Amino acid sequence: MSDSFEVIVIGSGPAGYVCAIRCAQLGLKTAVIEQNVGSNDQPQLGGTCLNVGCIPSKALLDSSHRYAEAAGHLSDHGIGISDVTLDIASMMARKEKIVSQLTGGVSGLLKANGITVITGTATLNAGRQVAVASADGSSQTYTADHVVLAAGSEPAAIPPAPVNGDRVVDSTGALCFEAVPQRLGVIGAGVIGLELGSVWARLGAEVVMLEAMDQFLPNMDEQIAAESGKIFAKQGLDIRLGARVTGVSVSDDGVDVTYSQGDASETERFDRLIVAVGRSPRTTGLFSADSGVTVDERGFIFVNDYCATEAPGVWAVGDIVRGPMLAHKGSEEGVMVAERIHGKSAQLNYDVIPSIIYTHPEVAAVGKTEQELKAEGVDYKAGTFPFAAIGRALASGETEGMVKILSDADSDQILGAHVVGPSAADLVQQIVIAIEMAASTEDLQLMVFGHPTMSEAVHEAALAVDGRAIHMVNRPKR
């Protein structure tokens, strides 16, 4: 095996493997270094997303939704099902099969593109020298013209609630329960907590979510966050805001969680506890002090707008740099870096990155929130439209939620969109395209949307911006 490459990518998650493939497509001699090894003694490609994040969680979200539908939500359709059973082992086996299929696909893509895969723990040293330590204790050093750091992230921890892998688990452990806990506690009511809490609530657990923030989903548009909170409460999620966990005591028969809420101190007992307080960049040990790479106080690597670090020829992408920890953001950063290495003038529009919560219904957003526009003093227009007035939503029995579109009051250019409701993840992508193309709400108003479709809510929300929604009584604009 050669020890010299044009590009070495450290990490094989969505940011790393996509970067490597694009580098190879551009004719660059490329290697990927992955430290994790699977049960088959082969590199565990795909990173957090494919192995213990996006993909397995979506598999369980889908399975749990189907179970909930079969167990009690089909009678309105004239479908009666008795004695619905739950086989957690089969559900988990399906999840693992999906993960295996996708990680195997990544392996095949790397091989087909002529990319060298190296197994071991990598450390970047001065002069773009990469030392790789293998599990057997051996080590080897590789050199490259360019090194791309894409080591990803890991579940964040909090001192009052140490994870023990049994009663107290992180997001990875929450994907592997062998039985449905009767009473489940979740620390954190953000994206990860809501998705995992939803899975186990649908399967029958009583779920209590302890969120330290006083505001629910503070980064979301306030109107959409409030609507989402109402929907989740109806589904049985007990979300307690301003609940700061101060201690956790584990015994043979449960977990006692003590938290403060205002001036009061409360204790709740759970069968299992999920710690879902976000993720931290995996940068410890990734580079030496003489590498030229620097980090901020939280461990994120300093990069410029094009993901170049302060060390010449060294780049960093994905969860280890500033911005949202999203697989699609990391992947596009990887593409941008590959093309800049090849001499192209690629750049990424960080203002148009969609964010999604894969609950049911989904919550999705892109661009500015209404509170951000107010804070920035932007004169704007807003239009909302409920799914309850959409024929396809009514026919499907999925009428909760709304679409909200924000645009500039003078130019009419779309500034943001926020959705809670059926197919929100897919609907918001229509607005991603619109914002990227500098479209106005009038552009959306003049388009023909298929009928009956969920996407008509986007059309009607665009019309509502100017008080022109067809299937809703329009209130006079102030």
Foldseek 3Di string as FASTA:
>chain_A
DAQEWAEEEEAQALLGLLLQLLLLVLVGAYAYEAADADPVRHGQHHPCCLPQHVQLLVLLQVVLVVLLCQVPPCVVVVDHDPDRDDQVVVSLVVSVVSSVVVSVVSVVSCVVSVYHYHYAAWAAEAQQWIWGAHPVGDIDIGHHLAYEYEHAWFFDDDVQQDADLAQEEESRSLSDDNDQWQEEEEEADDQSRVSSQQSSLSVHHQYEYEYLAQQFPVVAFNVQRVLVVVVVVVSRYHYDYNWAWDHWDDDPQWIWTWTDHPNDIDIDTTSHYYYHPDIAGPQVNRYDPNHQWDADPRQATDAPQLQHGRHPNYGYFAPSHDDDRDSVRSNVSSSSNSVVSVPDPDGDDRQLDKDWRVHVQIKIKGFDHPVVCVVVVFAKFKFKDWQLLAPVCVVVVWGGWIKMWMAGPPPQFTGMIIIGTHPRVVLRVVVSVSNVVRHGLVVLLPDDDDPRDSNVRVNQRSCLSVQRRDRDHGDDDD
